[in-house]
């Protein structure tokens, strides 16, 4: 089973890569030690995707898109620039990556794209507005994309994670009114590994908390 991680320098991606074989990574940060093959990009722009096209020859069973960004935000003090930054990294970039994957045809037959999302997409936390809206947009768009790709044997799912005890999780606990407890990295990794082995799951938003 071959896997490819976009945003492969995230805490979860690195820990998961250590547990899996035949896993390649793509990131703006250098984490070559954790992957079979690693591709460095400056940013996630069309020019970067063009460069990747000439480097990626494998076809993968699963492609996970970890790209995300968090900052505190309140609709009562709406700032369009900050909102668009959140929307770009948490929604637009993952969708652009998925489009690249599909057009480049780097998935095997019945291969899957998994967007890493958040349970925040279904919550109305104070202080978490832009992030929640962006992840909700991602979850909904993933279902549309899944419908588009049904006849092409490409499965699309989202994984909505609970709070991990990392930099982002600690910040969410500090800033928002969440009552959620932390989930362990080991629990998240165990559940994701099960999902990667399931060749039937499609059009689902899987919650891990």
N, C-alpha and C. Protein backbone atom coordinates (compact mmCIF):
# COMPACT_ATOMS: atom_id res chain seq x y z
N UNK A 1 0.84 -1.19 0.00
CA UNK A 1 0.00 0.00 0.00
C UNK A 1 0.88 1.25 0.00
N UNK A 2 0.76 2.05 -1.04
CA UNK A 2 1.56 3.26 -1.15
C UNK A 2 0.73 4.49 -0.77
N UNK A 3 1.31 5.34 0.07
CA UNK A 3 0.63 6.54 0.54
C UNK A 3 1.44 7.78 0.20
N UNK A 4 0.75 8.88 0.00
CA UNK A 4 1.39 10.18 -0.23
C UNK A 4 0.74 11.20 0.66
N UNK A 5 1.56 11.95 1.40
CA UNK A 5 1.06 12.97 2.33
C UNK A 5 1.39 14.36 1.80
N UNK A 6 0.39 15.17 1.51
CA UNK A 6 0.59 16.59 1.27
C UNK A 6 0.52 17.29 2.62
N UNK A 7 1.42 18.24 2.85
CA UNK A 7 1.51 18.84 4.17
C UNK A 7 2.15 17.87 5.13
N UNK A 8 3.14 17.13 4.62
CA UNK A 8 3.74 16.03 5.36
C UNK A 8 4.59 16.41 6.56
N UNK A 9 4.74 17.70 6.82
CA UNK A 9 5.53 18.11 7.99
C UNK A 9 4.67 18.35 9.23
N UNK A 10 3.36 18.17 9.11
CA UNK A 10 2.51 18.36 10.29
C UNK A 10 2.84 17.29 11.33
N UNK A 11 2.54 17.60 12.57
CA UNK A 11 2.84 16.67 13.67
C UNK A 11 2.26 15.28 13.42
N UNK A 12 0.99 15.25 13.05
CA UNK A 12 0.32 13.97 12.84
C UNK A 12 0.88 13.24 11.63
N UNK A 13 1.14 13.96 10.55
CA UNK A 13 1.66 13.33 9.34
C UNK A 13 2.99 12.64 9.61
N UNK A 14 3.88 13.32 10.31
CA UNK A 14 5.20 12.76 10.62
C UNK A 14 5.07 11.51 11.48
N UNK A 15 4.26 11.57 12.52
CA UNK A 15 4.08 10.42 13.41
C UNK A 15 3.44 9.25 12.68
N UNK A 16 2.49 9.55 11.79
CA UNK A 16 1.84 8.50 11.02
C UNK A 16 2.80 7.88 10.01
N UNK A 17 3.62 8.71 9.38
CA UNK A 17 4.60 8.21 8.40
C UNK A 17 5.57 7.23 9.03
N UNK A 18 5.92 7.46 10.29
CA UNK A 18 6.83 6.56 11.00
C UNK A 18 6.24 5.16 11.18
N UNK A 19 4.89 5.09 11.19
CA UNK A 19 4.21 3.81 11.43
C UNK A 19 3.88 3.07 10.14
N UNK A 20 4.05 3.75 9.01
CA UNK A 20 3.66 3.16 7.73
C UNK A 20 4.87 2.93 6.83
N UNK A 21 4.74 1.95 5.93
CA UNK A 21 5.77 1.72 4.92
C UNK A 21 5.32 2.34 3.60
N UNK A 22 6.27 2.51 2.69
CA UNK A 22 5.95 3.01 1.34
C UNK A 22 5.15 4.31 1.37
N UNK A 23 5.58 5.24 2.20
CA UNK A 23 4.90 6.52 2.32
C UNK A 23 5.81 7.65 1.87
N UNK A 24 5.31 8.46 0.95
CA UNK A 24 6.05 9.62 0.45
C UNK A 24 5.42 10.89 0.99
N UNK A 25 6.21 11.97 1.03
CA UNK A 25 5.72 13.21 1.59
C UNK A 25 6.02 14.42 0.73
N UNK A 26 5.16 15.42 0.85
CA UNK A 26 5.33 16.71 0.18
C UNK A 26 5.10 17.79 1.22
N UNK A 27 6.01 18.77 1.29
CA UNK A 27 5.87 19.82 2.29
C UNK A 27 6.73 21.01 1.94
N UNK A 28 6.40 22.16 2.53
CA UNK A 28 7.24 23.35 2.40
C UNK A 28 8.40 23.29 3.39
N UNK A 29 8.33 22.35 4.34
CA UNK A 29 9.40 22.18 5.33
C UNK A 29 10.13 20.87 5.06
N UNK A 30 11.38 20.83 5.40
CA UNK A 30 12.21 19.67 5.11
C UNK A 30 12.08 18.60 6.20
N UNK A 31 11.39 17.51 5.86
CA UNK A 31 11.25 16.39 6.81
C UNK A 31 11.58 15.08 6.08
N UNK A 32 12.65 15.10 5.34
CA UNK A 32 13.01 13.98 4.46
C UNK A 32 13.22 12.67 5.23
N UNK A 33 13.66 12.75 6.48
CA UNK A 33 14.03 11.55 7.22
C UNK A 33 12.85 10.61 7.48
N UNK A 34 11.64 11.11 7.37
CA UNK A 34 10.48 10.30 7.76
C UNK A 34 9.77 9.63 6.59
N UNK A 35 10.25 9.88 5.37
CA UNK A 35 9.53 9.39 4.20
C UNK A 35 10.43 8.58 3.27
N UNK A 36 9.80 7.66 2.54
CA UNK A 36 10.52 6.89 1.53
C UNK A 36 11.09 7.83 0.46
N UNK A 37 10.22 8.70 -0.04
CA UNK A 37 10.63 9.76 -0.95
C UNK A 37 9.99 11.06 -0.48
N UNK A 38 10.72 12.15 -0.63
CA UNK A 38 10.21 13.43 -0.15
C UNK A 38 10.36 14.49 -1.23
N UNK A 39 9.31 15.30 -1.41
CA UNK A 39 9.31 16.36 -2.41
C UNK A 39 9.12 17.70 -1.72
N UNK A 40 10.05 18.60 -1.91
CA UNK A 40 9.99 19.91 -1.28
C UNK A 40 9.36 20.92 -2.24
N UNK A 41 8.42 21.72 -1.73
CA UNK A 41 7.82 22.79 -2.52
C UNK A 41 7.99 24.11 -1.78
N UNK A 42 8.05 25.20 -2.52
CA UNK A 42 8.15 26.52 -1.88
C UNK A 42 6.80 26.92 -1.29
N UNK A 43 5.78 26.82 -2.12
CA UNK A 43 4.41 27.10 -1.71
C UNK A 43 3.50 26.16 -2.49
N UNK A 44 2.24 26.16 -2.15
CA UNK A 44 1.29 25.33 -2.88
C UNK A 44 0.60 26.18 -3.94
N UNK A 45 1.35 26.47 -5.00
CA UNK A 45 0.86 27.27 -6.12
C UNK A 45 0.89 26.44 -7.39
N UNK A 46 0.29 26.96 -8.45
CA UNK A 46 0.25 26.22 -9.72
C UNK A 46 1.65 25.92 -10.23
N UNK A 47 2.57 26.87 -10.02
CA UNK A 47 3.95 26.66 -10.48
C UNK A 47 4.61 25.51 -9.73
N UNK A 48 4.29 25.36 -8.44
CA UNK A 48 4.83 24.25 -7.65
C UNK A 48 4.24 22.92 -8.11
N UNK A 49 2.95 22.92 -8.42
CA UNK A 49 2.32 21.70 -8.92
C UNK A 49 2.92 21.29 -10.25
N UNK A 50 3.24 22.28 -11.08
CA UNK A 50 3.85 21.99 -12.38
C UNK A 50 5.20 21.29 -12.19
N UNK A 51 5.98 21.78 -11.22
CA UNK A 51 7.27 21.16 -10.94
C UNK A 51 7.10 19.74 -10.39
N UNK A 52 6.06 19.54 -9.56
CA UNK A 52 5.80 18.22 -9.00
C UNK A 52 5.43 17.22 -10.10
N UNK A 53 4.75 17.71 -11.13
CA UNK A 53 4.30 16.84 -12.21
C UNK A 53 5.45 16.10 -12.87
N UNK A 54 6.60 16.75 -12.91
CA UNK A 54 7.76 16.13 -13.56
C UNK A 54 8.53 15.19 -12.63
N UNK A 55 8.13 15.16 -11.34
CA UNK A 55 8.86 14.37 -10.36
C UNK A 55 8.11 13.14 -9.86
N UNK A 56 6.78 13.21 -9.88
CA UNK A 56 5.97 12.13 -9.32
C UNK A 56 5.60 11.14 -10.42
N UNK A 57 6.09 9.92 -10.29
CA UNK A 57 5.82 8.87 -11.28
C UNK A 57 4.98 7.74 -10.70
N UNK A 58 4.96 7.63 -9.38
CA UNK A 58 4.21 6.55 -8.75
C UNK A 58 2.71 6.80 -8.79
N UNK A 59 1.96 5.72 -8.66
CA UNK A 59 0.53 5.81 -8.41
C UNK A 59 0.28 5.31 -6.99
N UNK A 60 -0.59 6.01 -6.27
CA UNK A 60 -0.76 5.75 -4.85
C UNK A 60 -2.14 5.17 -4.54
N UNK A 61 -2.17 4.40 -3.44
CA UNK A 61 -3.44 3.87 -2.95
C UNK A 61 -4.22 4.94 -2.18
N UNK A 62 -3.49 5.70 -1.38
CA UNK A 62 -4.11 6.72 -0.54
C UNK A 62 -3.29 8.01 -0.58
N UNK A 63 -3.99 9.12 -0.68
CA UNK A 63 -3.33 10.43 -0.59
C UNK A 63 -4.03 11.23 0.50
N UNK A 64 -3.25 11.62 1.50
CA UNK A 64 -3.79 12.39 2.62
C UNK A 64 -3.34 13.85 2.49
N UNK A 65 -4.28 14.76 2.68
CA UNK A 65 -3.99 16.18 2.56
C UNK A 65 -4.13 16.81 3.94
N UNK A 66 -2.98 17.13 4.54
CA UNK A 66 -2.94 17.61 5.92
C UNK A 66 -2.95 19.14 6.03
N UNK A 67 -2.81 19.83 4.92
CA UNK A 67 -2.59 21.28 4.95
C UNK A 67 -3.66 22.01 5.76
N UNK A 68 -3.20 22.81 6.71
CA UNK A 68 -4.13 23.56 7.54
C UNK A 68 -3.45 24.70 8.27
N UNK A 69 -4.27 25.60 8.77
CA UNK A 69 -3.78 26.79 9.47
C UNK A 69 -4.82 27.21 10.51
N UNK A 70 -4.34 27.62 11.68
CA UNK A 70 -5.27 28.07 12.72
C UNK A 70 -4.84 29.40 13.31
N UNK A 71 -5.81 30.29 13.49
CA UNK A 71 -5.59 31.53 14.25
C UNK A 71 -6.92 31.90 14.90
N UNK A 72 -6.86 32.55 16.04
CA UNK A 72 -8.10 32.94 16.71
C UNK A 72 -8.86 33.96 15.86
N UNK A 73 -10.18 33.88 15.90
CA UNK A 73 -10.98 34.77 15.05
C UNK A 73 -12.39 34.90 15.59
N UNK A 74 -12.97 36.08 15.38
CA UNK A 74 -14.31 36.39 15.86
C UNK A 74 -15.07 37.12 14.76
N UNK A 75 -16.26 36.65 14.42
CA UNK A 75 -17.06 37.33 13.41
C UNK A 75 -17.48 38.73 13.87
N UNK A 76 -17.54 38.93 15.17
CA UNK A 76 -17.88 40.25 15.70
C UNK A 76 -16.81 41.29 15.35
N UNK A 77 -15.59 40.82 15.11
CA UNK A 77 -14.49 41.70 14.72
C UNK A 77 -13.92 41.23 13.38
N UNK A 78 -14.83 41.08 12.42
CA UNK A 78 -14.49 40.48 11.14
C UNK A 78 -13.39 41.24 10.42
N UNK A 79 -12.39 40.48 9.95
CA UNK A 79 -11.28 41.04 9.17
C UNK A 79 -11.17 40.21 7.89
N UNK A 80 -11.50 40.81 6.77
CA UNK A 80 -11.56 40.06 5.52
C UNK A 80 -10.21 39.48 5.12
N UNK A 81 -9.13 40.18 5.41
CA UNK A 81 -7.80 39.67 5.05
C UNK A 81 -7.47 38.41 5.83
N UNK A 82 -7.73 38.41 7.13
CA UNK A 82 -7.47 37.23 7.96
C UNK A 82 -8.41 36.08 7.58
N UNK A 83 -9.65 36.42 7.26
CA UNK A 83 -10.62 35.40 6.87
C UNK A 83 -10.18 34.70 5.58
N UNK A 84 -9.74 35.49 4.60
CA UNK A 84 -9.32 34.92 3.32
C UNK A 84 -8.06 34.07 3.47
N UNK A 85 -7.18 34.44 4.40
CA UNK A 85 -5.99 33.62 4.66
C UNK A 85 -6.39 32.26 5.20
N UNK A 86 -7.31 32.25 6.16
CA UNK A 86 -7.81 30.99 6.71
C UNK A 86 -8.51 30.16 5.64
N UNK A 87 -9.34 30.82 4.84
CA UNK A 87 -10.08 30.12 3.80
C UNK A 87 -9.14 29.53 2.76
N UNK A 88 -8.11 30.27 2.43
CA UNK A 88 -7.16 29.79 1.41
C UNK A 88 -6.45 28.52 1.87
N UNK A 89 -5.87 28.55 3.09
CA UNK A 89 -5.04 27.43 3.54
C UNK A 89 -5.88 26.23 3.96
N UNK A 90 -7.03 26.48 4.58
CA UNK A 90 -7.84 25.39 5.11
C UNK A 90 -8.85 24.82 4.12
N UNK A 91 -9.13 25.57 3.04
CA UNK A 91 -10.13 25.11 2.08
C UNK A 91 -9.62 25.14 0.64
N UNK A 92 -9.19 26.29 0.16
CA UNK A 92 -8.82 26.42 -1.25
C UNK A 92 -7.60 25.58 -1.62
N UNK A 93 -6.55 25.64 -0.79
CA UNK A 93 -5.33 24.87 -1.09
C UNK A 93 -5.61 23.36 -1.13
N UNK A 94 -6.31 22.79 -0.13
CA UNK A 94 -6.63 21.35 -0.22
C UNK A 94 -7.42 20.98 -1.47
N UNK A 95 -8.37 21.82 -1.88
CA UNK A 95 -9.15 21.53 -3.08
C UNK A 95 -8.28 21.62 -4.32
N UNK A 96 -7.38 22.60 -4.36
CA UNK A 96 -6.45 22.72 -5.49
C UNK A 96 -5.52 21.51 -5.56
N UNK A 97 -5.08 21.03 -4.40
CA UNK A 97 -4.24 19.83 -4.36
C UNK A 97 -5.00 18.63 -4.90
N UNK A 98 -6.26 18.47 -4.47
CA UNK A 98 -7.08 17.35 -4.93
C UNK A 98 -7.28 17.41 -6.45
N UNK A 99 -7.48 18.60 -6.97
CA UNK A 99 -7.63 18.77 -8.42
C UNK A 99 -6.37 18.35 -9.15
N UNK A 100 -5.21 18.72 -8.59
CA UNK A 100 -3.93 18.30 -9.17
C UNK A 100 -3.80 16.78 -9.17
N UNK A 101 -4.14 16.15 -8.05
CA UNK A 101 -4.05 14.69 -7.92
C UNK A 101 -4.90 14.00 -8.98
N UNK A 102 -6.11 14.50 -9.16
CA UNK A 102 -7.04 13.89 -10.11
C UNK A 102 -6.57 14.10 -11.56
N UNK A 103 -6.17 15.32 -11.88
CA UNK A 103 -5.74 15.62 -13.25
C UNK A 103 -4.42 14.93 -13.60
N UNK A 104 -3.54 14.80 -12.62
CA UNK A 104 -2.25 14.15 -12.82
C UNK A 104 -2.40 12.62 -12.87
N UNK A 105 -3.53 12.13 -12.36
CA UNK A 105 -3.84 10.69 -12.33
C UNK A 105 -2.78 9.89 -11.58
N UNK A 106 -2.52 10.32 -10.33
CA UNK A 106 -1.51 9.64 -9.52
C UNK A 106 -2.12 8.72 -8.47
N UNK A 107 -3.43 8.47 -8.60
CA UNK A 107 -4.09 7.49 -7.74
C UNK A 107 -4.31 6.19 -8.50
N UNK A 108 -4.17 5.07 -7.81
CA UNK A 108 -4.50 3.78 -8.40
C UNK A 108 -6.02 3.64 -8.54
N UNK A 109 -6.45 2.65 -9.28
CA UNK A 109 -7.87 2.37 -9.38
C UNK A 109 -8.44 2.11 -7.99
N UNK A 110 -9.55 2.75 -7.70
CA UNK A 110 -10.18 2.67 -6.38
C UNK A 110 -9.32 3.28 -5.28
N UNK A 111 -8.42 4.18 -5.69
CA UNK A 111 -7.61 4.90 -4.71
C UNK A 111 -8.44 5.97 -4.00
N UNK A 112 -7.89 6.52 -2.92
CA UNK A 112 -8.67 7.46 -2.10
C UNK A 112 -7.88 8.71 -1.75
N UNK A 113 -8.61 9.81 -1.72
CA UNK A 113 -8.09 11.07 -1.17
C UNK A 113 -8.77 11.28 0.18
N UNK A 114 -7.97 11.55 1.20
CA UNK A 114 -8.49 11.87 2.53
C UNK A 114 -8.07 13.29 2.89
N UNK A 115 -9.04 14.17 3.07
CA UNK A 115 -8.76 15.51 3.58
C UNK A 115 -8.75 15.45 5.10
N UNK A 116 -7.70 15.97 5.72
CA UNK A 116 -7.69 16.06 7.18
C UNK A 116 -8.43 17.32 7.59
N UNK A 117 -9.57 17.14 8.24
CA UNK A 117 -10.42 18.24 8.64
C UNK A 117 -10.47 18.32 10.18
N UNK A 118 -11.55 18.82 10.72
CA UNK A 118 -11.64 19.01 12.16
C UNK A 118 -13.08 18.93 12.62
N UNK A 119 -13.28 18.45 13.85
CA UNK A 119 -14.63 18.44 14.41
C UNK A 119 -15.13 19.88 14.63
N UNK A 120 -14.21 20.84 14.56
CA UNK A 120 -14.60 22.25 14.67
C UNK A 120 -15.55 22.67 13.56
N UNK A 121 -15.56 21.92 12.46
CA UNK A 121 -16.42 22.26 11.33
C UNK A 121 -17.90 22.18 11.69
N UNK A 122 -18.23 21.43 12.75
CA UNK A 122 -19.62 21.27 13.18
C UNK A 122 -19.90 21.98 14.49
N UNK A 123 -18.93 22.76 14.97
CA UNK A 123 -19.10 23.43 16.24
C UNK A 123 -19.17 24.94 16.05
N UNK A 124 -19.74 25.62 17.01
CA UNK A 124 -19.87 27.08 16.94
C UNK A 124 -19.04 27.71 18.06
N UNK A 125 -17.79 27.32 18.13
CA UNK A 125 -16.92 27.80 19.20
C UNK A 125 -16.65 29.29 19.09
N UNK A 126 -16.68 29.96 20.20
CA UNK A 126 -16.28 31.37 20.25
C UNK A 126 -14.78 31.44 20.11
N UNK A 127 -14.31 32.26 19.17
CA UNK A 127 -12.87 32.43 18.95
C UNK A 127 -12.32 31.54 17.86
N UNK A 128 -13.19 30.78 17.19
CA UNK A 128 -12.74 29.79 16.22
C UNK A 128 -13.44 29.95 14.87
N UNK A 129 -13.98 31.14 14.61
CA UNK A 129 -14.93 31.35 13.52
C UNK A 129 -14.38 31.00 12.15
N UNK A 130 -13.26 31.61 11.76
CA UNK A 130 -12.75 31.44 10.39
C UNK A 130 -12.35 29.99 10.12
N UNK A 131 -11.70 29.38 11.09
CA UNK A 131 -11.25 28.00 10.95
C UNK A 131 -12.45 27.06 10.77
N UNK A 132 -13.47 27.23 11.61
CA UNK A 132 -14.66 26.38 11.55
C UNK A 132 -15.37 26.52 10.21
N UNK A 133 -15.51 27.75 9.72
CA UNK A 133 -16.19 28.00 8.45
C UNK A 133 -15.41 27.36 7.30
N UNK A 134 -14.09 27.50 7.31
CA UNK A 134 -13.26 26.95 6.24
C UNK A 134 -13.32 25.43 6.22
N UNK A 135 -13.24 24.80 7.40
CA UNK A 135 -13.29 23.34 7.45
C UNK A 135 -14.68 22.80 7.09
N UNK A 136 -15.72 23.54 7.43
CA UNK A 136 -17.06 23.15 7.03
C UNK A 136 -17.19 23.19 5.51
N UNK A 137 -16.61 24.20 4.88
CA UNK A 137 -16.60 24.31 3.42
C UNK A 137 -15.85 23.14 2.80
N UNK A 138 -14.75 22.75 3.42
CA UNK A 138 -13.96 21.62 2.93
C UNK A 138 -14.76 20.33 2.98
N UNK A 139 -15.42 20.08 4.11
CA UNK A 139 -16.20 18.85 4.27
C UNK A 139 -17.32 18.74 3.23
N UNK A 140 -18.01 19.85 3.01
CA UNK A 140 -19.12 19.85 2.05
C UNK A 140 -18.61 19.67 0.63
N UNK A 141 -17.51 20.36 0.31
CA UNK A 141 -16.95 20.28 -1.04
C UNK A 141 -16.41 18.89 -1.35
N UNK A 142 -15.90 18.22 -0.33
CA UNK A 142 -15.38 16.86 -0.52
C UNK A 142 -16.48 15.92 -1.01
N UNK A 143 -17.70 16.10 -0.53
CA UNK A 143 -18.82 15.26 -0.96
C UNK A 143 -19.18 15.54 -2.42
N UNK A 144 -19.11 16.81 -2.81
CA UNK A 144 -19.36 17.16 -4.22
C UNK A 144 -18.29 16.51 -5.10
N UNK A 145 -17.04 16.63 -4.67
CA UNK A 145 -15.93 16.05 -5.43
C UNK A 145 -16.07 14.53 -5.54
N UNK A 146 -16.52 13.90 -4.45
CA UNK A 146 -16.72 12.45 -4.46
C UNK A 146 -17.77 12.05 -5.50
N UNK A 147 -18.83 12.82 -5.59
CA UNK A 147 -19.86 12.53 -6.59
C UNK A 147 -19.31 12.67 -8.01
N UNK A 148 -18.47 13.68 -8.22
CA UNK A 148 -17.88 13.90 -9.54
C UNK A 148 -16.97 12.75 -9.96
N UNK A 149 -16.33 12.10 -8.97
CA UNK A 149 -15.32 11.08 -9.27
C UNK A 149 -15.82 9.64 -9.14
N UNK A 150 -17.12 9.46 -8.92
CA UNK A 150 -17.66 8.12 -8.72
C UNK A 150 -17.34 7.19 -9.89
N UNK A 151 -17.55 7.66 -11.10
CA UNK A 151 -17.34 6.81 -12.27
C UNK A 151 -15.86 6.57 -12.57
N UNK A 152 -15.00 7.34 -11.93
CA UNK A 152 -13.57 7.20 -12.17
C UNK A 152 -12.89 6.37 -11.09
N UNK A 153 -13.69 5.80 -10.20
CA UNK A 153 -13.16 4.93 -9.13
C UNK A 153 -12.19 5.66 -8.20
N UNK A 154 -12.45 6.93 -7.97
CA UNK A 154 -11.67 7.69 -6.99
C UNK A 154 -12.57 8.01 -5.81
N UNK A 155 -12.15 7.59 -4.64
CA UNK A 155 -12.94 7.80 -3.42
C UNK A 155 -12.44 9.06 -2.69
N UNK A 156 -13.38 9.82 -2.15
CA UNK A 156 -13.06 11.06 -1.45
C UNK A 156 -13.71 11.05 -0.08
N UNK A 157 -12.90 11.26 0.96
CA UNK A 157 -13.41 11.31 2.32
C UNK A 157 -12.73 12.43 3.11
N UNK A 158 -13.37 12.84 4.18
CA UNK A 158 -12.74 13.77 5.12
C UNK A 158 -12.61 13.10 6.48
N UNK A 159 -11.55 13.45 7.19
CA UNK A 159 -11.33 12.94 8.54
C UNK A 159 -11.36 14.13 9.49
N UNK A 160 -12.41 14.20 10.30
CA UNK A 160 -12.55 15.30 11.24
C UNK A 160 -11.93 14.91 12.58
N UNK A 161 -10.80 15.51 12.87
CA UNK A 161 -10.06 15.18 14.09
C UNK A 161 -10.52 16.00 15.28
N UNK A 162 -10.43 15.37 16.44
CA UNK A 162 -10.62 16.11 17.68
C UNK A 162 -9.35 16.85 18.05
N UNK A 163 -9.29 17.36 19.26
CA UNK A 163 -8.14 18.15 19.71
C UNK A 163 -6.92 17.27 19.97
N UNK A 164 -5.85 17.53 19.27
CA UNK A 164 -4.58 16.88 19.56
C UNK A 164 -3.76 17.77 20.49
N UNK A 165 -2.94 17.15 21.31
CA UNK A 165 -2.11 17.95 22.22
C UNK A 165 -0.85 18.40 21.49
N UNK A 166 -1.03 19.38 20.62
CA UNK A 166 0.08 19.99 19.90
C UNK A 166 -0.09 21.50 19.97
N UNK A 167 0.69 22.22 19.20
CA UNK A 167 0.65 23.69 19.26
C UNK A 167 -0.74 24.23 18.95
N UNK A 168 -1.37 23.67 17.91
CA UNK A 168 -2.71 24.12 17.55
C UNK A 168 -3.73 23.77 18.62
N UNK A 169 -3.68 22.53 19.12
CA UNK A 169 -4.63 22.10 20.13
C UNK A 169 -4.54 22.91 21.41
N UNK A 170 -3.32 23.18 21.83
CA UNK A 170 -3.12 23.99 23.03
C UNK A 170 -3.68 25.40 22.86
N UNK A 171 -3.51 25.94 21.65
CA UNK A 171 -4.00 27.29 21.38
C UNK A 171 -5.53 27.33 21.36
N UNK A 172 -6.13 26.29 20.78
CA UNK A 172 -7.59 26.21 20.74
C UNK A 172 -8.15 26.13 22.16
N UNK A 173 -7.55 25.33 23.00
CA UNK A 173 -7.99 25.19 24.40
C UNK A 173 -7.90 26.52 25.14
N UNK A 174 -6.84 27.26 24.84
CA UNK A 174 -6.59 28.52 25.54
C UNK A 174 -7.54 29.61 25.10
N UNK A 175 -7.84 29.65 23.80
CA UNK A 175 -8.57 30.77 23.24
C UNK A 175 -10.08 30.57 23.20
N UNK A 176 -10.53 29.36 22.89
CA UNK A 176 -11.95 29.13 22.66
C UNK A 176 -12.66 28.65 23.92
N UNK A 177 -13.98 28.45 23.76
CA UNK A 177 -14.80 27.95 24.88
C UNK A 177 -15.06 26.46 24.77
N UNK A 178 -14.16 25.73 24.11
CA UNK A 178 -14.37 24.29 23.93
C UNK A 178 -14.31 23.53 25.25
N UNK A 179 -15.15 22.51 25.33
CA UNK A 179 -15.15 21.63 26.50
C UNK A 179 -14.57 20.25 26.14
N UNK A 180 -14.09 20.11 24.92
CA UNK A 180 -13.57 18.84 24.44
C UNK A 180 -12.26 18.48 25.13
N UNK A 181 -12.07 17.18 25.37
CA UNK A 181 -10.80 16.69 25.89
C UNK A 181 -9.86 16.39 24.73
N UNK A 182 -8.59 16.32 25.02
CA UNK A 182 -7.60 15.97 24.00
C UNK A 182 -7.74 14.50 23.62
N UNK A 183 -7.44 14.22 22.35
CA UNK A 183 -7.28 12.83 21.93
C UNK A 183 -5.79 12.57 21.76
N UNK A 184 -5.39 11.33 21.89
CA UNK A 184 -3.97 11.01 21.79
C UNK A 184 -3.58 10.81 20.33
N UNK A 185 -2.32 11.06 20.02
CA UNK A 185 -1.81 10.81 18.69
C UNK A 185 -1.94 9.32 18.35
N UNK A 186 -1.67 8.46 19.32
CA UNK A 186 -1.76 7.01 19.08
C UNK A 186 -3.16 6.59 18.65
N UNK A 187 -4.17 7.18 19.29
CA UNK A 187 -5.56 6.86 18.95
C UNK A 187 -5.86 7.32 17.52
N UNK A 188 -5.45 8.56 17.18
CA UNK A 188 -5.70 9.10 15.85
C UNK A 188 -5.00 8.25 14.78
N UNK A 189 -3.76 7.87 15.05
CA UNK A 189 -2.98 7.07 14.09
C UNK A 189 -3.62 5.69 13.89
N UNK A 190 -4.04 5.06 14.98
CA UNK A 190 -4.68 3.74 14.90
C UNK A 190 -5.93 3.80 14.02
N UNK A 191 -6.76 4.82 14.23
CA UNK A 191 -8.00 4.94 13.47
C UNK A 191 -7.73 5.24 12.00
N UNK A 192 -6.75 6.09 11.73
CA UNK A 192 -6.43 6.45 10.35
C UNK A 192 -5.88 5.24 9.60
N UNK A 193 -5.05 4.46 10.26
CA UNK A 193 -4.51 3.25 9.62
C UNK A 193 -5.62 2.29 9.22
N UNK A 194 -6.65 2.18 10.05
CA UNK A 194 -7.79 1.33 9.71
C UNK A 194 -8.50 1.87 8.47
N UNK A 195 -8.67 3.18 8.40
CA UNK A 195 -9.34 3.81 7.26
C UNK A 195 -8.57 3.59 5.97
N UNK A 196 -7.26 3.66 6.04
CA UNK A 196 -6.43 3.50 4.85
C UNK A 196 -6.55 2.10 4.26
N UNK A 197 -6.88 1.13 5.08
CA UNK A 197 -7.01 -0.24 4.61
C UNK A 197 -8.41 -0.59 4.12
N UNK A 198 -9.34 0.36 4.26
CA UNK A 198 -10.73 0.11 3.87
C UNK A 198 -10.95 0.61 2.44
N UNK A 199 -11.15 -0.31 1.51
CA UNK A 199 -11.28 0.04 0.09
C UNK A 199 -12.71 0.37 -0.31
N UNK A 200 -13.63 0.39 0.63
CA UNK A 200 -15.03 0.64 0.29
C UNK A 200 -15.51 2.01 0.76
N UNK A 201 -14.84 2.60 1.72
CA UNK A 201 -15.33 3.84 2.31
C UNK A 201 -15.25 4.99 1.31
N UNK A 202 -16.35 5.72 1.17
CA UNK A 202 -16.41 6.83 0.21
C UNK A 202 -17.49 7.82 0.63
N UNK A 203 -17.26 9.07 0.32
CA UNK A 203 -18.21 10.16 0.60
C UNK A 203 -18.55 10.27 2.08
N UNK A 204 -17.58 9.99 2.93
CA UNK A 204 -17.83 10.01 4.37
C UNK A 204 -17.03 11.12 5.05
N UNK A 205 -17.59 11.63 6.13
CA UNK A 205 -16.85 12.48 7.05
C UNK A 205 -16.66 11.67 8.31
N UNK A 206 -15.45 11.18 8.52
CA UNK A 206 -15.16 10.29 9.64
C UNK A 206 -14.64 11.11 10.82
N UNK A 207 -15.29 10.97 11.94
CA UNK A 207 -14.89 11.73 13.13
C UNK A 207 -13.99 10.88 14.01
N UNK A 208 -12.88 11.44 14.42
CA UNK A 208 -11.96 10.77 15.34
C UNK A 208 -11.79 11.66 16.55
N UNK A 209 -12.37 11.25 17.68
CA UNK A 209 -12.28 12.05 18.91
C UNK A 209 -12.45 11.16 20.12
